[in-house]
């Protein structure tokens, strides 16, 4: 399940460049290709933490500015098969606003099954 977030407009991102956006629980990088297509990824390179929004963009790929690893913008895969990046679905409305779909995070509100077997309750103090 995913949640859609509006992040800005295509006019805010020059052709061939990327920008960072902060969303609840995520910092993402959004790119606008020279062909006008819009892509969204995690903001940092998983290899060395490079700022992906500052990377080079072209031919459906992103090159990290720190170590020049090349990531496919449709799959997140690298040419060497290591350290893929997260890719998020994007859409552009008629007014140019960009929406990005992020996975919904489940929040645990109770104990897991069999958790009591591993962590018995602490004894109560006698009054």
N, C-alpha and C. Protein backbone atom coordinates (compact mmCIF):
# COMPACT_ATOMS: atom_id res chain seq x y z
N UNK A 1 0.84 -1.17 0.00
CA UNK A 1 0.00 0.00 0.00
C UNK A 1 0.89 1.25 0.00
N UNK A 2 0.47 2.27 -0.70
CA UNK A 2 1.27 3.49 -0.82
C UNK A 2 0.40 4.72 -0.54
N UNK A 3 1.06 5.80 -0.16
CA UNK A 3 0.41 7.08 0.08
C UNK A 3 0.99 8.10 -0.88
N UNK A 4 0.12 8.88 -1.52
CA UNK A 4 0.56 9.88 -2.48
C UNK A 4 0.82 11.22 -1.78
N UNK A 5 1.95 11.85 -2.14
CA UNK A 5 2.34 13.14 -1.55
C UNK A 5 2.66 14.12 -2.67
N UNK A 6 2.08 15.32 -2.61
CA UNK A 6 2.45 16.38 -3.55
C UNK A 6 3.75 16.99 -3.06
N UNK A 7 4.72 17.13 -3.98
CA UNK A 7 6.03 17.64 -3.58
C UNK A 7 6.38 19.00 -4.18
N UNK A 8 5.74 19.39 -5.22
CA UNK A 8 6.06 20.65 -5.89
C UNK A 8 5.56 20.60 -7.32
N UNK A 9 6.17 21.42 -8.17
CA UNK A 9 5.76 21.46 -9.58
C UNK A 9 6.97 21.21 -10.47
N UNK A 10 6.71 20.84 -11.70
CA UNK A 10 7.80 20.60 -12.64
C UNK A 10 8.62 21.86 -12.88
N UNK A 11 8.01 23.02 -12.74
CA UNK A 11 8.74 24.28 -12.94
C UNK A 11 9.83 24.49 -11.90
N UNK A 12 9.73 23.81 -10.75
CA UNK A 12 10.73 23.95 -9.68
C UNK A 12 12.00 23.13 -9.95
N UNK A 13 11.93 22.23 -10.92
CA UNK A 13 13.07 21.35 -11.21
C UNK A 13 13.50 21.57 -12.66
N UNK A 14 14.64 22.18 -12.89
CA UNK A 14 15.09 22.39 -14.27
C UNK A 14 15.29 21.06 -15.00
N UNK A 15 15.12 21.09 -16.31
CA UNK A 15 15.36 19.89 -17.12
C UNK A 15 16.76 19.35 -16.85
N UNK A 16 16.85 18.04 -16.65
CA UNK A 16 18.14 17.38 -16.45
C UNK A 16 18.69 17.49 -15.03
N UNK A 17 17.87 17.96 -14.08
CA UNK A 17 18.35 18.14 -12.71
C UNK A 17 17.43 17.47 -11.70
N UNK A 18 17.87 17.47 -10.44
CA UNK A 18 17.09 16.90 -9.34
C UNK A 18 17.02 17.85 -8.18
N UNK A 19 16.05 17.63 -7.30
CA UNK A 19 15.88 18.42 -6.08
C UNK A 19 15.46 17.49 -4.95
N UNK A 20 15.86 17.83 -3.73
CA UNK A 20 15.44 17.07 -2.56
C UNK A 20 14.13 17.62 -2.01
N UNK A 21 13.31 16.71 -1.49
CA UNK A 21 12.06 17.08 -0.83
C UNK A 21 11.94 16.26 0.44
N UNK A 22 11.49 16.91 1.52
CA UNK A 22 11.27 16.23 2.79
C UNK A 22 9.80 15.90 2.93
N UNK A 23 9.52 14.61 3.14
CA UNK A 23 8.17 14.12 3.34
C UNK A 23 8.13 13.40 4.69
N UNK A 24 6.94 13.13 5.22
CA UNK A 24 6.88 12.44 6.51
C UNK A 24 7.65 11.11 6.48
N UNK A 25 8.72 11.05 7.26
CA UNK A 25 9.50 9.82 7.36
C UNK A 25 10.45 9.54 6.22
N UNK A 26 10.50 10.41 5.23
CA UNK A 26 11.36 10.20 4.06
C UNK A 26 11.96 11.52 3.58
N UNK A 27 13.16 11.43 3.11
CA UNK A 27 13.75 12.52 2.31
C UNK A 27 13.98 11.89 0.95
N UNK A 28 13.44 12.50 -0.09
CA UNK A 28 13.54 11.91 -1.42
C UNK A 28 14.19 12.90 -2.38
N UNK A 29 14.65 12.36 -3.49
CA UNK A 29 15.18 13.19 -4.58
C UNK A 29 14.23 13.01 -5.77
N UNK A 30 13.83 14.13 -6.36
CA UNK A 30 12.94 14.10 -7.53
C UNK A 30 13.70 14.71 -8.69
N UNK A 31 13.64 14.04 -9.84
CA UNK A 31 14.40 14.43 -11.03
C UNK A 31 13.46 14.71 -12.18
N UNK A 32 13.89 15.64 -13.03
CA UNK A 32 13.16 15.94 -14.26
C UNK A 32 14.14 15.74 -15.41
N UNK A 33 13.90 14.67 -16.17
CA UNK A 33 14.78 14.36 -17.29
C UNK A 33 14.68 15.40 -18.40
N UNK A 34 15.66 15.41 -19.25
CA UNK A 34 15.66 16.35 -20.39
C UNK A 34 14.49 16.09 -21.33
N UNK A 35 13.95 14.87 -21.26
CA UNK A 35 12.78 14.54 -22.07
C UNK A 35 11.48 14.89 -21.36
N UNK A 36 11.58 15.46 -20.14
CA UNK A 36 10.40 15.87 -19.39
C UNK A 36 9.88 14.83 -18.41
N UNK A 37 10.36 13.59 -18.48
CA UNK A 37 9.90 12.57 -17.54
C UNK A 37 10.37 12.91 -16.13
N UNK A 38 9.57 12.51 -15.15
CA UNK A 38 9.87 12.79 -13.75
C UNK A 38 10.09 11.47 -13.02
N UNK A 39 11.15 11.43 -12.20
CA UNK A 39 11.53 10.24 -11.44
C UNK A 39 11.72 10.64 -9.98
N UNK A 40 11.55 9.68 -9.06
CA UNK A 40 11.82 9.93 -7.65
C UNK A 40 12.59 8.74 -7.07
N UNK A 41 13.59 9.07 -6.24
CA UNK A 41 14.42 8.05 -5.60
C UNK A 41 14.66 8.43 -4.14
N UNK A 42 15.31 7.53 -3.43
CA UNK A 42 15.80 7.92 -2.10
C UNK A 42 16.79 9.04 -2.30
N UNK A 43 17.06 9.82 -1.26
CA UNK A 43 17.89 11.01 -1.43
C UNK A 43 19.39 10.74 -1.37
N UNK A 44 19.79 9.67 -0.69
CA UNK A 44 21.22 9.41 -0.52
C UNK A 44 21.62 8.10 -1.18
N UNK A 45 22.81 8.09 -1.72
CA UNK A 45 23.36 6.89 -2.32
C UNK A 45 23.59 5.85 -1.21
N UNK A 46 23.18 4.60 -1.42
CA UNK A 46 23.37 3.58 -0.38
C UNK A 46 24.83 3.16 -0.22
N UNK A 47 25.67 3.50 -1.17
CA UNK A 47 27.07 3.09 -1.11
C UNK A 47 27.89 3.97 -0.18
N UNK A 48 27.85 5.27 -0.40
CA UNK A 48 28.64 6.19 0.43
C UNK A 48 27.88 7.42 0.89
N UNK A 49 26.55 7.42 0.74
CA UNK A 49 25.75 8.52 1.24
C UNK A 49 25.78 9.77 0.38
N UNK A 50 26.19 9.64 -0.87
CA UNK A 50 26.25 10.80 -1.75
C UNK A 50 24.88 11.40 -1.99
N UNK A 51 24.81 12.72 -2.19
CA UNK A 51 23.53 13.40 -2.44
C UNK A 51 23.05 13.15 -3.87
N UNK A 52 22.14 12.22 -4.04
CA UNK A 52 21.72 11.81 -5.39
C UNK A 52 21.10 12.95 -6.19
N UNK A 53 20.45 13.92 -5.54
CA UNK A 53 19.85 15.04 -6.28
C UNK A 53 20.92 15.85 -7.01
N UNK A 54 22.18 15.74 -6.59
CA UNK A 54 23.28 16.44 -7.26
C UNK A 54 23.94 15.61 -8.34
N UNK A 55 23.43 14.40 -8.57
CA UNK A 55 24.03 13.51 -9.56
C UNK A 55 23.73 13.93 -10.99
N UNK A 56 24.40 13.27 -11.92
CA UNK A 56 24.18 13.50 -13.35
C UNK A 56 23.03 12.64 -13.83
N UNK A 57 22.18 13.21 -14.65
CA UNK A 57 20.98 12.54 -15.13
C UNK A 57 21.03 12.46 -16.64
N UNK A 58 20.74 11.27 -17.17
CA UNK A 58 20.67 11.12 -18.62
C UNK A 58 20.40 9.69 -19.04
N UNK A 59 19.72 9.52 -20.15
CA UNK A 59 19.41 8.20 -20.71
C UNK A 59 18.74 7.28 -19.70
N UNK A 60 17.83 7.83 -18.88
CA UNK A 60 17.10 7.01 -17.92
C UNK A 60 17.94 6.51 -16.76
N UNK A 61 19.08 7.14 -16.54
CA UNK A 61 19.98 6.72 -15.46
C UNK A 61 20.44 7.92 -14.65
N UNK A 62 20.89 7.63 -13.44
CA UNK A 62 21.41 8.63 -12.52
C UNK A 62 22.81 8.20 -12.10
N UNK A 63 23.76 9.14 -12.14
CA UNK A 63 25.13 8.85 -11.74
C UNK A 63 25.41 9.57 -10.43
N UNK A 64 25.81 8.81 -9.40
CA UNK A 64 26.11 9.40 -8.08
C UNK A 64 27.28 10.36 -8.22
N UNK A 65 27.19 11.55 -7.58
CA UNK A 65 28.27 12.53 -7.70
C UNK A 65 29.54 12.17 -6.92
N UNK A 66 29.46 11.23 -5.98
CA UNK A 66 30.64 10.89 -5.19
C UNK A 66 31.52 9.82 -5.81
N UNK A 67 30.88 8.77 -6.35
CA UNK A 67 31.70 7.65 -6.80
C UNK A 67 31.33 7.15 -8.20
N UNK A 68 30.45 7.87 -8.86
CA UNK A 68 30.08 7.63 -10.24
C UNK A 68 29.40 6.28 -10.50
N UNK A 69 28.75 5.72 -9.47
CA UNK A 69 27.93 4.54 -9.74
C UNK A 69 26.70 5.00 -10.51
N UNK A 70 26.26 4.17 -11.45
CA UNK A 70 25.14 4.48 -12.33
C UNK A 70 23.92 3.66 -11.91
N UNK A 71 22.81 4.35 -11.64
CA UNK A 71 21.57 3.71 -11.22
C UNK A 71 20.50 3.85 -12.30
N UNK A 72 19.79 2.78 -12.59
CA UNK A 72 18.68 2.80 -13.53
C UNK A 72 17.49 3.46 -12.82
N UNK A 73 16.91 4.49 -13.42
CA UNK A 73 15.83 5.23 -12.77
C UNK A 73 14.46 4.54 -12.84
N UNK A 74 14.36 3.44 -13.55
CA UNK A 74 13.09 2.71 -13.55
C UNK A 74 13.12 1.51 -12.62
N UNK A 75 14.32 0.96 -12.34
CA UNK A 75 14.42 -0.21 -11.48
C UNK A 75 15.21 0.04 -10.20
N UNK A 76 16.08 1.04 -10.19
CA UNK A 76 16.95 1.31 -9.05
C UNK A 76 18.23 0.50 -9.06
N UNK A 77 18.37 -0.40 -10.01
CA UNK A 77 19.54 -1.29 -10.07
C UNK A 77 20.79 -0.54 -10.52
N UNK A 78 21.95 -1.05 -10.08
CA UNK A 78 23.23 -0.54 -10.54
C UNK A 78 23.76 -1.46 -11.62
N UNK A 79 24.71 -0.96 -12.38
CA UNK A 79 25.32 -1.80 -13.42
C UNK A 79 26.09 -2.97 -12.83
N UNK A 80 26.63 -2.79 -11.61
CA UNK A 80 27.40 -3.87 -11.01
C UNK A 80 26.55 -4.78 -10.12
N UNK A 81 25.26 -4.50 -9.99
CA UNK A 81 24.36 -5.35 -9.23
C UNK A 81 24.38 -5.15 -7.72
N UNK A 82 25.17 -4.21 -7.22
CA UNK A 82 25.25 -3.97 -5.78
C UNK A 82 24.50 -2.71 -5.39
N UNK A 83 24.04 -2.65 -4.16
CA UNK A 83 23.46 -1.44 -3.57
C UNK A 83 22.41 -0.74 -4.45
N UNK A 84 21.28 -1.36 -4.76
CA UNK A 84 20.25 -0.66 -5.54
C UNK A 84 19.65 0.48 -4.72
N UNK A 85 19.00 1.41 -5.39
CA UNK A 85 18.31 2.50 -4.71
C UNK A 85 16.81 2.28 -4.78
N UNK A 86 16.11 2.91 -3.83
CA UNK A 86 14.65 2.88 -3.83
C UNK A 86 14.13 3.82 -4.92
N UNK A 87 13.16 3.34 -5.66
CA UNK A 87 12.51 4.13 -6.71
C UNK A 87 11.05 4.29 -6.30
N UNK A 88 10.50 5.49 -6.46
CA UNK A 88 9.11 5.76 -6.09
C UNK A 88 8.33 6.19 -7.32
N UNK A 89 7.09 5.74 -7.40
CA UNK A 89 6.21 6.08 -8.52
C UNK A 89 5.86 7.55 -8.46
N UNK A 90 5.88 8.22 -9.61
CA UNK A 90 5.54 9.63 -9.70
C UNK A 90 4.41 9.85 -10.69
N UNK A 91 3.74 10.97 -10.53
CA UNK A 91 2.74 11.39 -11.52
C UNK A 91 2.77 12.91 -11.58
N UNK A 92 2.43 13.43 -12.76
CA UNK A 92 2.39 14.87 -12.97
C UNK A 92 0.98 15.24 -13.41
N UNK A 93 0.35 16.14 -12.67
CA UNK A 93 -1.01 16.59 -12.98
C UNK A 93 -0.97 17.61 -14.11
N UNK A 94 -2.14 17.92 -14.66
CA UNK A 94 -2.24 18.90 -15.75
C UNK A 94 -1.69 20.27 -15.37
N UNK A 95 -1.77 20.61 -14.07
CA UNK A 95 -1.25 21.91 -13.63
C UNK A 95 0.25 21.88 -13.35
N UNK A 96 0.91 20.73 -13.59
CA UNK A 96 2.36 20.61 -13.40
C UNK A 96 2.77 20.15 -12.02
N UNK A 97 1.81 19.93 -11.11
CA UNK A 97 2.18 19.48 -9.77
C UNK A 97 2.61 18.01 -9.82
N UNK A 98 3.66 17.72 -9.03
CA UNK A 98 4.25 16.39 -8.99
C UNK A 98 3.79 15.69 -7.72
N UNK A 99 3.32 14.45 -7.87
CA UNK A 99 2.97 13.62 -6.73
C UNK A 99 3.89 12.41 -6.72
N UNK A 100 4.28 11.99 -5.53
CA UNK A 100 5.15 10.83 -5.35
C UNK A 100 4.45 9.86 -4.42
N UNK A 101 4.44 8.58 -4.79
CA UNK A 101 3.85 7.55 -3.94
C UNK A 101 4.93 6.91 -3.09
N UNK A 102 4.73 6.96 -1.77
CA UNK A 102 5.65 6.34 -0.82
C UNK A 102 4.95 5.18 -0.14
N UNK A 103 5.71 4.15 0.21
CA UNK A 103 5.09 3.02 0.90
C UNK A 103 4.53 3.46 2.25
N UNK A 104 3.38 2.90 2.61
CA UNK A 104 2.78 3.18 3.90
C UNK A 104 3.52 2.35 4.94
N UNK A 105 3.87 2.98 6.04
CA UNK A 105 4.61 2.31 7.09
C UNK A 105 3.63 1.78 8.13
N UNK A 106 3.73 0.49 8.44
CA UNK A 106 2.89 -0.10 9.48
C UNK A 106 3.50 0.21 10.84
N UNK A 107 2.64 0.54 11.78
CA UNK A 107 3.09 0.83 13.14
C UNK A 107 2.60 -0.27 14.06
N UNK A 108 3.50 -0.87 14.79
CA UNK A 108 3.16 -1.93 15.71
C UNK A 108 2.57 -1.32 16.98
N UNK A 109 1.38 -1.78 17.36
CA UNK A 109 0.74 -1.23 18.55
C UNK A 109 0.58 -2.26 19.65
N UNK A 110 0.89 -3.51 19.40
CA UNK A 110 0.75 -4.54 20.42
C UNK A 110 1.88 -5.53 20.33
N UNK A 111 1.92 -6.49 21.25
CA UNK A 111 3.01 -7.48 21.22
C UNK A 111 2.87 -8.41 20.02
N UNK A 112 4.01 -8.89 19.56
CA UNK A 112 4.02 -9.87 18.49
C UNK A 112 3.61 -11.23 19.05
N UNK A 113 3.15 -12.13 18.20
CA UNK A 113 2.82 -13.47 18.64
C UNK A 113 4.05 -14.11 19.28
N UNK A 114 3.85 -14.79 20.37
CA UNK A 114 4.91 -15.49 21.12
C UNK A 114 5.93 -14.55 21.74
N UNK A 115 5.70 -13.26 21.73
CA UNK A 115 6.67 -12.34 22.32
C UNK A 115 6.80 -12.59 23.82
N UNK A 116 5.68 -12.97 24.46
CA UNK A 116 5.71 -13.25 25.89
C UNK A 116 6.63 -14.40 26.24
N UNK A 117 6.82 -15.34 25.31
CA UNK A 117 7.72 -16.46 25.56
C UNK A 117 9.16 -15.98 25.68
N UNK A 118 9.51 -14.93 24.97
CA UNK A 118 10.89 -14.44 24.98
C UNK A 118 11.11 -13.38 26.03
N UNK A 119 10.05 -12.65 26.36
CA UNK A 119 10.17 -11.54 27.29
C UNK A 119 9.05 -11.62 28.32
N UNK A 120 9.21 -12.43 29.36
CA UNK A 120 8.13 -12.52 30.34
C UNK A 120 7.95 -11.18 31.05
N UNK A 121 6.75 -10.91 31.54
CA UNK A 121 6.51 -9.64 32.23
C UNK A 121 7.39 -9.55 33.49
N UNK A 122 7.78 -8.32 33.80
CA UNK A 122 8.57 -8.10 35.00
C UNK A 122 7.73 -8.40 36.23
N UNK A 123 8.33 -8.94 37.28
CA UNK A 123 7.56 -9.21 38.50
C UNK A 123 7.08 -7.90 39.12
N UNK A 124 5.90 -7.97 39.71
CA UNK A 124 5.34 -6.79 40.37
C UNK A 124 5.93 -6.65 41.78
N UNK A 125 6.16 -5.42 42.16
CA UNK A 125 6.68 -5.16 43.50
C UNK A 125 5.57 -5.39 44.51
N UNK A 126 5.93 -5.99 45.66
CA UNK A 126 4.95 -6.22 46.72
C UNK A 126 4.75 -4.95 47.52
N UNK A 127 3.51 -4.69 47.85
CA UNK A 127 3.20 -3.46 48.60
C UNK A 127 3.36 -3.65 50.07
